[in-house]
PDB file of all heavy atoms in Angstrom:
ATOM      1  N   VAL A   1     133.891  79.958  94.833  1.00  0.00           N
ATOM      2  CA  VAL A   1     133.072  80.005  96.040  1.00  0.00           C
ATOM      3  C   VAL A   1     131.603  79.970  95.632  1.00  0.00           C
ATOM      4  O   VAL A   1     131.162  80.775  94.810  1.00  0.00           O
ATOM      5  CB  VAL A   1     133.360  81.269  96.871  1.00  0.00           C
ATOM      6  CG1 VAL A   1     132.468  81.313  98.111  1.00  0.00           C
ATOM      7  CG2 VAL A   1     134.824  81.314  97.287  1.00  0.00           C
ATOM      8  N   VAL A   2     130.855  79.027  96.206  1.00  0.00           N
ATOM      9  CA  VAL A   2     129.423  78.910  95.962  1.00  0.00           C
ATOM     10  C   VAL A   2     128.695  79.224  97.261  1.00  0.00           C
ATOM     11  O   VAL A   2     128.939  78.570  98.284  1.00  0.00           O
ATOM     12  CB  VAL A   2     129.046  77.498  95.473  1.00  0.00           C
ATOM     13  CG1 VAL A   2     127.548  77.422  95.189  1.00  0.00           C
ATOM     14  CG2 VAL A   2     129.840  77.123  94.234  1.00  0.00           C
ATOM     15  N   CYS A   3     127.814  80.233  97.249  1.00  0.00           N
ATOM     16  CA  CYS A   3     127.114  80.664  98.455  1.00  0.00           C
ATOM     17  C   CYS A   3     125.608  80.431  98.305  1.00  0.00           C
ATOM     18  O   CYS A   3     125.039  80.690  97.240  1.00  0.00           O
ATOM     19  CB  CYS A   3     127.374  82.142  98.744  1.00  0.00           C
ATOM     20  SG  CYS A   3     129.090  82.523  99.151  1.00  0.00           S
ATOM     21  N   PHE A   4     124.983  79.961  99.369  1.00  0.00           N
ATOM     22  CA  PHE A   4     123.531  79.815  99.435  1.00  0.00           C
ATOM     23  C   PHE A   4     123.018  80.716 100.556  1.00  0.00           C
ATOM     24  O   PHE A   4     123.281  80.468 101.735  1.00  0.00           O
ATOM     25  CB  PHE A   4     123.150  78.354  99.720  1.00  0.00           C
ATOM     26  CG  PHE A   4     123.508  77.400  98.619  1.00  0.00           C
ATOM     27  CD1 PHE A   4     124.740  76.754  98.612  1.00  0.00           C
ATOM     28  CD2 PHE A   4     122.628  77.158  97.573  1.00  0.00           C
ATOM     29  CE1 PHE A   4     125.078  75.877  97.603  1.00  0.00           C
ATOM     30  CE2 PHE A   4     122.970  76.278  96.556  1.00  0.00           C
ATOM     31  CZ  PHE A   4     124.187  75.645  96.565  1.00  0.00           C
ATOM     32  N   VAL A   5     122.302  81.772 100.180  1.00  0.00           N
ATOM     33  CA  VAL A   5     121.769  82.726 101.149  1.00  0.00           C
ATOM     34  C   VAL A   5     120.314  82.367 101.409  1.00  0.00           C
ATOM     35  O   VAL A   5     119.477  82.437 100.506  1.00  0.00           O
ATOM     36  CB  VAL A   5     121.898  84.177 100.648  1.00  0.00           C
ATOM     37  CG1 VAL A   5     121.334  85.138 101.680  1.00  0.00           C
ATOM     38  CG2 VAL A   5     123.357  84.498 100.343  1.00  0.00           C
ATOM     39  N   ASP A   6     120.007  81.987 102.641  1.00  0.00           N
ATOM     40  CA  ASP A   6     118.655  81.551 102.982  1.00  0.00           C
ATOM     41  C   ASP A   6     118.367  81.979 104.415  1.00  0.00           C
ATOM     42  O   ASP A   6     118.468  81.202 105.358  1.00  0.00           O
ATOM     43  CB  ASP A   6     118.545  80.027 102.844  1.00  0.00           C
ATOM     44  CG  ASP A   6     117.151  79.525 103.182  1.00  0.00           C
ATOM     45  OD1 ASP A   6     116.194  80.306 103.035  1.00  0.00           O
ATOM     46  OD2 ASP A   6     117.033  78.364 103.616  1.00  0.00           O
ATOM     47  N   THR A   7     118.038  83.239 104.612  1.00  0.00           N
ATOM     48  CA  THR A   7     117.807  83.757 105.948  1.00  0.00           C
ATOM     49  C   THR A   7     116.630  84.720 105.943  1.00  0.00           C
ATOM     50  O   THR A   7     116.378  85.405 104.937  1.00  0.00           O
ATOM     51  CB  THR A   7     119.052  84.473 106.499  1.00  0.00           C
ATOM     52  OG1 THR A   7     118.772  84.993 107.798  1.00  0.00           O
ATOM     53  CG2 THR A   7     119.474  85.604 105.600  1.00  0.00           C
ATOM     54  N   ALA A   8     115.915  84.741 107.050  1.00  0.00           N
ATOM     55  CA  ALA A   8     114.799  85.679 107.183  1.00  0.00           C
ATOM     56  C   ALA A   8     115.262  87.054 107.622  1.00  0.00           C
ATOM     57  O   ALA A   8     114.461  87.979 107.721  1.00  0.00           O
ATOM     58  CB  ALA A   8     113.791  85.125 108.185  1.00  0.00           C
ATOM     59  N   GLY A   9     116.538  87.198 107.901  1.00  0.00           N
ATOM     60  CA  GLY A   9     117.066  88.485 108.337  1.00  0.00           C
ATOM     61  C   GLY A   9     117.542  88.416 109.772  1.00  0.00           C
ATOM     62  O   GLY A   9     117.810  87.348 110.318  1.00  0.00           O
ATOM     63  N   ALA A  10     117.666  89.578 110.404  1.00  0.00           N
ATOM     64  CA  ALA A  10     118.155  89.642 111.786  1.00  0.00           C
ATOM     65  C   ALA A  10     117.163  88.976 112.718  1.00  0.00           C
ATOM     66  O   ALA A  10     115.946  89.055 112.538  1.00  0.00           O
ATOM     67  CB  ALA A  10     118.366  91.094 112.197  1.00  0.00           C
ATOM     68  N   PHE A  11     117.674  88.299 113.720  1.00  0.00           N
ATOM     69  CA  PHE A  11     116.827  87.603 114.680  1.00  0.00           C
ATOM     70  C   PHE A  11     116.063  88.622 115.522  1.00  0.00           C
ATOM     71  O   PHE A  11     116.650  89.505 116.138  1.00  0.00           O
ATOM     72  CB  PHE A  11     117.696  86.721 115.578  1.00  0.00           C
ATOM     73  CG  PHE A  11     116.894  85.861 116.517  1.00  0.00           C
ATOM     74  CD1 PHE A  11     115.968  84.963 116.022  1.00  0.00           C
ATOM     75  CD2 PHE A  11     117.085  85.951 117.879  1.00  0.00           C
ATOM     76  CE1 PHE A  11     115.235  84.162 116.885  1.00  0.00           C
ATOM     77  CE2 PHE A  11     116.363  85.156 118.742  1.00  0.00           C
ATOM     78  CZ  PHE A  11     115.433  84.260 118.241  1.00  0.00           C
ATOM     79  N   CYS A  12     114.732  88.520 115.537  1.00  0.00           N
ATOM     80  CA  CYS A  12     113.913  89.539 116.196  1.00  0.00           C
ATOM     81  C   CYS A  12     113.170  88.998 117.401  1.00  0.00           C
ATOM     82  O   CYS A  12     112.177  89.567 117.845  1.00  0.00           O
ATOM     83  CB  CYS A  12     112.928  90.158 115.207  1.00  0.00           C
ATOM     84  SG  CYS A  12     112.005  88.961 114.230  1.00  0.00           S
ATOM     85  N   ALA A  13     113.616  87.872 117.936  1.00  0.00           N
ATOM     86  CA  ALA A  13     113.179  87.331 119.226  1.00  0.00           C
ATOM     87  C   ALA A  13     111.667  87.253 119.344  1.00  0.00           C
ATOM     88  O   ALA A  13     110.987  86.808 118.434  1.00  0.00           O
ATOM     89  CB  ALA A  13     113.784  88.162 120.352  1.00  0.00           C
ATOM     90  N   LEU A  14     111.099  87.747 120.496  1.00  0.00           N
ATOM     91  CA  LEU A  14     109.694  87.507 120.805  1.00  0.00           C
ATOM     92  C   LEU A  14     108.737  88.272 119.899  1.00  0.00           C
ATOM     93  O   LEU A  14     107.566  87.913 119.791  1.00  0.00           O
ATOM     94  CB  LEU A  14     109.411  87.873 122.266  1.00  0.00           C
ATOM     95  CG  LEU A  14     110.082  86.983 123.309  1.00  0.00           C
ATOM     96  CD1 LEU A  14     109.779  87.506 124.708  1.00  0.00           C
ATOM     97  CD2 LEU A  14     109.619  85.549 123.174  1.00  0.00           C
ATOM     98  N   PHE A  15     109.201  89.345 119.251  1.00  0.00           N
ATOM     99  CA  PHE A  15     108.314  90.103 118.380  1.00  0.00           C
ATOM    100  C   PHE A  15     107.786  89.229 117.247  1.00  0.00           C
ATOM    101  O   PHE A  15     106.702  89.443 116.736  1.00  0.00           O
ATOM    102  CB  PHE A  15     109.052  91.319 117.798  1.00  0.00           C
ATOM    103  CG  PHE A  15     109.179  92.443 118.774  1.00  0.00           C
ATOM    104  CD1 PHE A  15     110.261  92.488 119.637  1.00  0.00           C
ATOM    105  CD2 PHE A  15     108.217  93.419 118.858  1.00  0.00           C
ATOM    106  CE1 PHE A  15     110.378  93.520 120.542  1.00  0.00           C
ATOM    107  CE2 PHE A  15     108.339  94.458 119.772  1.00  0.00           C
ATOM    108  CZ  PHE A  15     109.412  94.511 120.623  1.00  0.00           C
ATOM    109  N   VAL A  16     108.549  88.231 116.864  1.00  0.00           N
ATOM    110  CA  VAL A  16     108.131  87.358 115.768  1.00  0.00           C
ATOM    111  C   VAL A  16     106.897  86.566 116.159  1.00  0.00           C
ATOM    112  O   VAL A  16     105.999  86.333 115.348  1.00  0.00           O
ATOM    113  CB  VAL A  16     109.277  86.399 115.391  1.00  0.00           C
ATOM    114  CG1 VAL A  16     108.818  85.405 114.332  1.00  0.00           C
ATOM    115  CG2 VAL A  16     110.468  87.198 114.885  1.00  0.00           C
ATOM    116  N   PHE A  17     106.808  86.179 117.429  1.00  0.00           N
ATOM    117  CA  PHE A  17     105.786  85.243 117.838  1.00  0.00           C
ATOM    118  C   PHE A  17     104.542  85.912 118.426  1.00  0.00           C
ATOM    119  O   PHE A  17     103.438  85.414 118.257  1.00  0.00           O
ATOM    120  CB  PHE A  17     106.376  84.269 118.862  1.00  0.00           C
ATOM    121  CG  PHE A  17     107.625  83.584 118.373  1.00  0.00           C
ATOM    122  CD1 PHE A  17     108.872  83.946 118.852  1.00  0.00           C
ATOM    123  CD2 PHE A  17     107.538  82.597 117.412  1.00  0.00           C
ATOM    124  CE1 PHE A  17     110.000  83.322 118.380  1.00  0.00           C
ATOM    125  CE2 PHE A  17     108.671  81.963 116.952  1.00  0.00           C
ATOM    126  CZ  PHE A  17     109.903  82.329 117.425  1.00  0.00           C
ATOM    127  N   VAL A  18     104.691  86.996 119.146  1.00  0.00           N
ATOM    128  CA  VAL A  18     103.541  87.565 119.841  1.00  0.00           C
ATOM    129  C   VAL A  18     103.113  88.913 119.282  1.00  0.00           C
ATOM    130  O   VAL A  18     102.119  89.469 119.725  1.00  0.00           O
ATOM    131  CB  VAL A  18     103.842  87.707 121.352  1.00  0.00           C
ATOM    132  CG1 VAL A  18     104.178  86.372 121.953  1.00  0.00           C
ATOM    133  CG2 VAL A  18     104.977  88.696 121.592  1.00  0.00           C
ATOM    134  N   GLY A  19     103.867  89.452 118.336  1.00  0.00           N
ATOM    135  CA  GLY A  19     103.480  90.742 117.786  1.00  0.00           C
ATOM    136  C   GLY A  19     104.093  91.883 118.567  1.00  0.00           C
ATOM    137  O   GLY A  19     104.513  91.735 119.709  1.00  0.00           O
ATOM    138  N   ALA A  20     104.089  93.068 117.981  1.00  0.00           N
ATOM    139  CA  ALA A  20     104.783  94.201 118.573  1.00  0.00           C
ATOM    140  C   ALA A  20     104.042  94.797 119.759  1.00  0.00           C
ATOM    141  O   ALA A  20     104.618  95.023 120.822  1.00  0.00           O
ATOM    142  CB  ALA A  20     105.008  95.277 117.503  1.00  0.00           C
ATOM    143  N   TRP A  21     102.732  95.069 119.611  1.00  0.00           N
ATOM    144  CA  TRP A  21     102.018  95.768 120.677  1.00  0.00           C
ATOM    145  C   TRP A  21     101.942  94.977 121.972  1.00  0.00           C
ATOM    146  O   TRP A  21     102.230  95.523 123.045  1.00  0.00           O
ATOM    147  CB  TRP A  21     100.610  96.152 120.193  1.00  0.00           C
ATOM    148  CG  TRP A  21     100.615  97.381 119.343  1.00  0.00           C
ATOM    149  CD1 TRP A  21     100.392  97.459 118.008  1.00  0.00           C
ATOM    150  CD2 TRP A  21     100.920  98.703 119.782  1.00  0.00           C
ATOM    151  NE1 TRP A  21     100.523  98.744 117.565  1.00  0.00           N
ATOM    152  CE2 TRP A  21     100.845  99.546 118.644  1.00  0.00           C
ATOM    153  CE3 TRP A  21     101.239  99.268 121.010  1.00  0.00           C
ATOM    154  CZ2 TRP A  21     101.076 100.899 118.704  1.00  0.00           C
ATOM    155  CZ3 TRP A  21     101.459 100.634 121.070  1.00  0.00           C
ATOM    156  CH2 TRP A  21     101.382 101.441 119.929  1.00  0.00           C
ATOM    157  N   PRO A  22     101.563  93.702 121.955  1.00  0.00           N
ATOM    158  CA  PRO A  22     101.577  92.946 123.225  1.00  0.00           C
ATOM    159  C   PRO A  22     102.955  92.911 123.862  1.00  0.00           C
ATOM    160  O   PRO A  22     103.077  92.977 125.086  1.00  0.00           O
ATOM    161  CB  PRO A  22     101.111  91.549 122.800  1.00  0.00           C
ATOM    162  CG  PRO A  22     100.341  91.770 121.552  1.00  0.00           C
ATOM    163  CD  PRO A  22     101.003  92.903 120.852  1.00  0.00           C
ATOM    164  N   MET A  23     103.986  92.822 123.039  1.00  0.00           N
ATOM    165  CA  MET A  23     105.338  92.769 123.593  1.00  0.00           C
ATOM    166  C   MET A  23     105.722  94.096 124.236  1.00  0.00           C
ATOM    167  O   MET A  23     106.357  94.131 125.290  1.00  0.00           O
ATOM    168  CB  MET A  23     106.338  92.405 122.493  1.00  0.00           C
ATOM    169  CG  MET A  23     107.745  92.159 123.008  1.00  0.00           C
ATOM    170  SD  MET A  23     107.782  90.808 124.203  1.00  0.00           S
ATOM    171  CE  MET A  23     109.414  91.093 124.906  1.00  0.00           C
ATOM    172  N   LEU A  24     105.340  95.205 123.621  1.00  0.00           N
ATOM    173  CA  LEU A  24     105.649  96.517 124.194  1.00  0.00           C
ATOM    174  C   LEU A  24     104.943  96.704 125.533  1.00  0.00           C
ATOM    175  O   LEU A  24     105.533  97.207 126.494  1.00  0.00           O
ATOM    176  CB  LEU A  24     105.242  97.618 123.210  1.00  0.00           C
ATOM    177  CG  LEU A  24     106.124  97.777 121.959  1.00  0.00           C
ATOM    178  CD1 LEU A  24     105.518  98.786 121.008  1.00  0.00           C
ATOM    179  CD2 LEU A  24     107.531  98.209 122.370  1.00  0.00           C
ATOM    180  N   ILE A  25     103.666  96.302 125.603  1.00  0.00           N
ATOM    181  CA  ILE A  25     102.925  96.426 126.857  1.00  0.00           C
ATOM    182  C   ILE A  25     103.548  95.533 127.926  1.00  0.00           C
ATOM    183  O   ILE A  25     103.719  95.927 129.084  1.00  0.00           O
ATOM    184  CB  ILE A  25     101.445  96.062 126.624  1.00  0.00           C
ATOM    185  CG1 ILE A  25     100.814  97.064 125.655  1.00  0.00           C
ATOM    186  CG2 ILE A  25     100.679  96.040 127.946  1.00  0.00           C
ATOM    187  CD1 ILE A  25      99.420  96.690 125.214  1.00  0.00           C
ATOM    188  N   PHE A  26     103.881  94.317 127.531  1.00  0.00           N
ATOM    189  CA  PHE A  26     104.506  93.358 128.440  1.00  0.00           C
ATOM    190  C   PHE A  26     105.821  93.915 128.987  1.00  0.00           C
ATOM    191  O   PHE A  26     106.097  93.859 130.183  1.00  0.00           O
ATOM    192  CB  PHE A  26     104.744  92.061 127.671  1.00  0.00           C
ATOM    193  CG  PHE A  26     105.292  90.938 128.501  1.00  0.00           C
ATOM    194  CD1 PHE A  26     104.469  90.211 129.336  1.00  0.00           C
ATOM    195  CD2 PHE A  26     106.641  90.607 128.439  1.00  0.00           C
ATOM    196  CE1 PHE A  26     104.964  89.162 130.100  1.00  0.00           C
ATOM    197  CE2 PHE A  26     107.144  89.578 129.201  1.00  0.00           C
ATOM    198  CZ  PHE A  26     106.303  88.849 130.035  1.00  0.00           C
ATOM    199  N   THR A  27     106.656  94.496 128.124  1.00  0.00           N
ATOM    200  CA  THR A  27     107.949  95.048 128.534  1.00  0.00           C
ATOM    201  C   THR A  27     107.769  96.245 129.456  1.00  0.00           C
ATOM    202  O   THR A  27     108.454  96.374 130.475  1.00  0.00           O
ATOM    203  CB  THR A  27     108.764  95.446 127.299  1.00  0.00           C
ATOM    204  OG1 THR A  27     108.903  94.315 126.433  1.00  0.00           O
ATOM    205  CG2 THR A  27     110.137  95.949 127.701  1.00  0.00           C
ATOM    206  N   ALA A  28     106.837  97.151 129.101  1.00  0.00           N
ATOM    207  CA  ALA A  28     106.597  98.341 129.925  1.00  0.00           C
ATOM    208  C   ALA A  28     106.122  97.962 131.314  1.00  0.00           C
ATOM    209  O   ALA A  28     106.517  98.568 132.323  1.00  0.00           O
ATOM    210  CB  ALA A  28     105.579  99.246 129.237  1.00  0.00           C
ATOM    211  N   PHE A  29     105.283  96.930 131.415  1.00  0.00           N
ATOM    212  CA  PHE A  29     104.774  96.486 132.712  1.00  0.00           C
ATOM    213  C   PHE A  29     105.908  96.012 133.607  1.00  0.00           C
ATOM    214  O   PHE A  29     105.989  96.388 134.781  1.00  0.00           O
ATOM    215  CB  PHE A  29     103.741  95.369 132.496  1.00  0.00           C
ATOM    216  CG  PHE A  29     103.277  94.725 133.774  1.00  0.00           C
ATOM    217  CD1 PHE A  29     102.381  95.380 134.617  1.00  0.00           C
ATOM    218  CD2 PHE A  29     103.739  93.472 134.141  1.00  0.00           C
ATOM    219  CE1 PHE A  29     101.965  94.783 135.796  1.00  0.00           C
ATOM    220  CE2 PHE A  29     103.327  92.880 135.315  1.00  0.00           C
ATOM    221  CZ  PHE A  29     102.435  93.537 136.151  1.00  0.00           C
ATOM    222  N   PHE A  30     106.812  95.215 133.047  1.00  0.00           N
ATOM    223  CA  PHE A  30     107.895  94.686 133.867  1.00  0.00           C
ATOM    224  C   PHE A  30     108.934  95.757 134.194  1.00  0.00           C
ATOM    225  O   PHE A  30     109.588  95.688 135.237  1.00  0.00           O
ATOM    226  CB  PHE A  30     108.541  93.487 133.174  1.00  0.00           C
ATOM    227  CG  PHE A  30     107.858  92.187 133.488  1.00  0.00           C
ATOM    228  CD1 PHE A  30     106.865  91.702 132.669  1.00  0.00           C
ATOM    229  CD2 PHE A  30     108.181  91.489 134.631  1.00  0.00           C
ATOM    230  CE1 PHE A  30     106.210  90.516 132.973  1.00  0.00           C
ATOM    231  CE2 PHE A  30     107.537  90.301 134.941  1.00  0.00           C
ATOM    232  CZ  PHE A  30     106.547  89.810 134.110  1.00  0.00           C
ATOM    233  N   ILE A  31     109.091  96.748 133.332  1.00  0.00           N
ATOM    234  CA  ILE A  31     109.977  97.867 133.675  1.00  0.00           C
ATOM    235  C   ILE A  31     109.415  98.620 134.871  1.00  0.00           C
ATOM    236  O   ILE A  31     110.138  98.994 135.805  1.00  0.00           O
ATOM    237  CB  ILE A  31     110.154  98.800 132.459  1.00  0.00           C
ATOM    238  CG1 ILE A  31     110.990  98.094 131.376  1.00  0.00           C
ATOM    239  CG2 ILE A  31     110.821 100.103 132.876  1.00  0.00           C
ATOM    240  CD1 ILE A  31     111.120  98.888 130.101  1.00  0.00           C
ATOM    241  N   PHE A  32     108.100  98.849 134.869  1.00  0.00           N
ATOM    242  CA  PHE A  32     107.452  99.553 135.987  1.00  0.00           C
ATOM    243  C   PHE A  32     107.607  98.763 137.275  1.00  0.00           C
ATOM    244  O   PHE A  32     107.955  99.309 138.330  1.00  0.00           O
ATOM    245  CB  PHE A  32     105.977  99.774 135.655  1.00  0.00           C
ATOM    246  CG  PHE A  32     105.183 100.327 136.813  1.00  0.00           C
ATOM    247  CD1 PHE A  32     105.268 101.672 137.148  1.00  0.00           C
ATOM    248  CD2 PHE A  32     104.375  99.500 137.577  1.00  0.00           C
ATOM    249  CE1 PHE A  32     104.554 102.173 138.224  1.00  0.00           C
ATOM    250  CE2 PHE A  32     103.667  99.996 138.651  1.00  0.00           C
ATOM    251  CZ  PHE A  32     103.752 101.340 138.983  1.00  0.00           C
ATOM    252  N   ILE A  33     107.348  97.440 137.221  1.00  0.00           N
ATOM    253  CA  ILE A  33     107.482  96.597 138.411  1.00  0.00           C
ATOM    254  C   ILE A  33     108.916  96.611 138.925  1.00  0.00           C
ATOM    255  O   ILE A  33     109.185  96.691 140.130  1.00  0.00           O
ATOM    256  CB  ILE A  33     107.037  95.156 138.095  1.00  0.00           C
ATOM    257  CG1 ILE A  33     105.528  95.107 137.809  1.00  0.00           C
ATOM    258  CG2 ILE A  33     107.389  94.212 139.235  1.00  0.00           C
ATOM    259  CD1 ILE A  33     104.668  95.496 138.981  1.00  0.00           C
ATOM    260  N   GLY A  34     109.893  96.553 137.998  1.00  0.00           N
ATOM    261  CA  GLY A  34     111.290  96.569 138.402  1.00  0.00           C
ATOM    262  C   GLY A  34     111.681  97.861 139.085  1.00  0.00           C
ATOM    263  O   GLY A  34     112.377  97.858 140.112  1.00  0.00           O
ATOM    264  N   MET A  35     111.235  99.001 138.531  1.00  0.00           N
ATOM    265  CA  MET A  35     111.549 100.299 139.147  1.00  0.00           C
ATOM    266  C   MET A  35     110.909 100.412 140.524  1.00  0.00           C
ATOM    267  O   MET A  35     111.512 100.918 141.474  1.00  0.00           O
ATOM    268  CB  MET A  35     111.071 101.423 138.232  1.00  0.00           C
ATOM    269  CG  MET A  35     111.827 101.518 136.911  1.00  0.00           C
ATOM    270  SD  MET A  35     111.125 102.738 135.781  1.00  0.00           S
ATOM    271  CE  MET A  35     111.364 104.235 136.729  1.00  0.00           C
ATOM    272  N   PHE A  36     109.664  99.943 140.657  1.00  0.00           N
ATOM    273  CA  PHE A  36     108.969 100.004 141.938  1.00  0.00           C
ATOM    274  C   PHE A  36     109.692  99.161 142.983  1.00  0.00           C
ATOM    275  O   PHE A  36     109.914  99.590 144.114  1.00  0.00           O
ATOM    276  CB  PHE A  36     107.529  99.510 141.750  1.00  0.00           C
ATOM    277  CG  PHE A  36     106.712  99.530 143.019  1.00  0.00           C
ATOM    278  CD1 PHE A  36     106.107 100.704 143.455  1.00  0.00           C
ATOM    279  CD2 PHE A  36     106.562  98.375 143.782  1.00  0.00           C
ATOM    280  CE1 PHE A  36     105.365 100.714 144.619  1.00  0.00           C
ATOM    281  CE2 PHE A  36     105.827  98.380 144.948  1.00  0.00           C
ATOM    282  CZ  PHE A  36     105.222  99.554 145.375  1.00  0.00           C
ATOM    283  N   ALA A  37     110.095  97.937 142.588  1.00  0.00           N
ATOM    284  CA  ALA A  37     110.778  97.050 143.531  1.00  0.00           C
ATOM    285  C   ALA A  37     112.130  97.618 143.938  1.00  0.00           C
ATOM    286  O   ALA A  37     112.518  97.559 145.110  1.00  0.00           O
ATOM    287  CB  ALA A  37     110.947  95.668 142.900  1.00  0.00           C
ATOM    288  N   TYR A  38     112.840  98.183 142.978  1.00  0.00           N
ATOM    289  CA  TYR A  38     114.154  98.754 143.296  1.00  0.00           C
ATOM    290  C   TYR A  38     114.019  99.903 144.286  1.00  0.00           C
ATOM    291  O   TYR A  38     114.768 100.007 145.258  1.00  0.00           O
ATOM    292  CB  TYR A  38     114.813  99.228 142.009  1.00  0.00           C
ATOM    293  CG  TYR A  38     116.225  99.745 142.199  1.00  0.00           C
ATOM    294  CD1 TYR A  38     117.319  98.887 142.164  1.00  0.00           C
ATOM    295  CD2 TYR A  38     116.460 101.097 142.433  1.00  0.00           C
ATOM    296  CE1 TYR A  38     118.600  99.349 142.347  1.00  0.00           C
ATOM    297  CE2 TYR A  38     117.734 101.571 142.628  1.00  0.00           C
ATOM    298  CZ  TYR A  38     118.812 100.687 142.578  1.00  0.00           C
ATOM    299  OH  TYR A  38     120.079 101.160 142.764  1.00  0.00           O
ATOM    300  N   LYS A  39     113.060 100.772 144.059  1.00  0.00           N
ATOM    301  CA  LYS A  39     112.878 101.932 144.938  1.00  0.00           C
ATOM    302  C   LYS A  39     112.541 101.499 146.355  1.00  0.00           C
ATOM    303  O   LYS A  39     113.129 101.974 147.327  1.00  0.00           O
ATOM    304  CB  LYS A  39     111.768 102.830 144.381  1.00  0.00           C
ATOM    305  CG  LYS A  39     111.456 104.051 145.244  1.00  0.00           C
ATOM    306  CD  LYS A  39     110.396 104.893 144.585  1.00  0.00           C
ATOM    307  CE  LYS A  39     110.049 106.097 145.468  1.00  0.00           C
ATOM    308  NZ  LYS A  39     111.210 106.976 145.679  1.00  0.00           N
ATOM    309  N   HIS A  40     111.609 100.556 146.512  1.00  0.00           N
ATOM    310  CA  HIS A  40     111.175 100.160 147.849  1.00  0.00           C
ATOM    311  C   HIS A  40     112.184  99.252 148.522  1.00  0.00           C
ATOM    312  O   HIS A  40     112.177  99.134 149.746  1.00  0.00           O
ATOM    313  CB  HIS A  40     109.825  99.459 147.756  1.00  0.00           C
ATOM    314  CG  HIS A  40     108.685 100.429 147.609  1.00  0.00           C
ATOM    315  ND1 HIS A  40     107.925 100.850 148.678  1.00  0.00           N
ATOM    316  CD2 HIS A  40     108.209 101.087 146.522  1.00  0.00           C
ATOM    317  CE1 HIS A  40     107.014 101.717 148.259  1.00  0.00           C
ATOM    318  NE2 HIS A  40     107.164 101.872 146.956  1.00  0.00           N
ATOM    319  N   ARG A  41     113.037  98.643 147.758  1.00  0.00           N
ATOM    320  CA  ARG A  41     114.043  97.771 148.376  1.00  0.00           C
ATOM    321  C   ARG A  41     115.194  98.564 148.958  1.00  0.00           C
ATOM    322  O   ARG A  41     115.738  98.230 149.990  1.00  0.00           O
ATOM    323  CB  ARG A  41     114.577  96.768 147.359  1.00  0.00           C
ATOM    324  CG  ARG A  41     115.554  95.770 147.952  1.00  0.00           C
ATOM    325  CD  ARG A  41     116.020  94.782 146.916  1.00  0.00           C
ATOM    326  NE  ARG A  41     116.914  93.796 147.495  1.00  0.00           N
ATOM    327  CZ  ARG A  41     117.524  92.858 146.797  1.00  0.00           C
ATOM    328  NH1 ARG A  41     117.324  92.774 145.495  1.00  0.00           N
ATOM    329  NH2 ARG A  41     118.322  91.995 147.379  1.00  0.00           N
ATOM    330  N   PHE A  42     115.585  99.638 148.282  1.00  0.00           N
ATOM    331  CA  PHE A  42     116.812 100.341 148.667  1.00  0.00           C
ATOM    332  C   PHE A  42     116.551 101.720 149.278  1.00  0.00           C
ATOM    333  O   PHE A  42     117.146 102.082 150.269  1.00  0.00           O
ATOM    334  CB  PHE A  42     117.730 100.489 147.452  1.00  0.00           C
ATOM    335  CG  PHE A  42     118.136  99.174 146.859  1.00  0.00           C
ATOM    336  CD1 PHE A  42     118.051  98.943 145.499  1.00  0.00           C
ATOM    337  CD2 PHE A  42     118.588  98.159 147.673  1.00  0.00           C
ATOM    338  CE1 PHE A  42     118.425  97.729 144.958  1.00  0.00           C
ATOM    339  CE2 PHE A  42     118.964  96.940 147.146  1.00  0.00           C
ATOM    340  CZ  PHE A  42     118.879  96.734 145.790  1.00  0.00           C
ATOM    341  N   ASP A  43     115.626 102.496 148.684  1.00  0.00           N
ATOM    342  CA  ASP A  43     115.467 103.866 149.142  1.00  0.00           C
ATOM    343  C   ASP A  43     114.977 103.938 150.581  1.00  0.00           C
ATOM    344  O   ASP A  43     115.371 104.811 151.339  1.00  0.00           O
ATOM    345  CB  ASP A  43     114.492 104.609 148.229  1.00  0.00           C
ATOM    346  CG  ASP A  43     115.116 104.889 146.869  1.00  0.00           C
ATOM    347  OD1 ASP A  43     116.307 104.561 146.718  1.00  0.00           O
ATOM    348  OD2 ASP A  43     114.426 105.424 145.984  1.00  0.00           O
ATOM    349  N   LYS A  44     114.076 103.023 150.986  1.00  0.00           N
ATOM    350  CA  LYS A  44     113.560 103.067 152.344  1.00  0.00           C
ATOM    351  C   LYS A  44     114.615 102.717 153.373  1.00  0.00           C
ATOM    352  O   LYS A  44     114.494 103.043 154.542  1.00  0.00           O
ATOM    353  CB  LYS A  44     112.370 102.113 152.474  1.00  0.00           C
ATOM    354  CG  LYS A  44     111.112 102.658 151.802  1.00  0.00           C
ATOM    355  CD  LYS A  44     109.906 101.798 152.121  1.00  0.00           C
ATOM    356  CE  LYS A  44     108.641 102.409 151.527  1.00  0.00           C
ATOM    357  NZ  LYS A  44     107.443 101.601 151.831  1.00  0.00           N
TER     358      LYS A  44
END
C-alpha cells in the first residue's frame, strides 16, 4: 500500500477566509436577529 497524505487538516469553512473575529461578530449578530424574530413571531 502506497499512501500520499496531502491535506491542510479538518475543513474549517468561513474561518479560513474571513478570520475568526469578524466571523464571530457576524454569527452573534445573526443569532440575535434570529432570537428577536422568533420571539416577535410567536410569543405575541
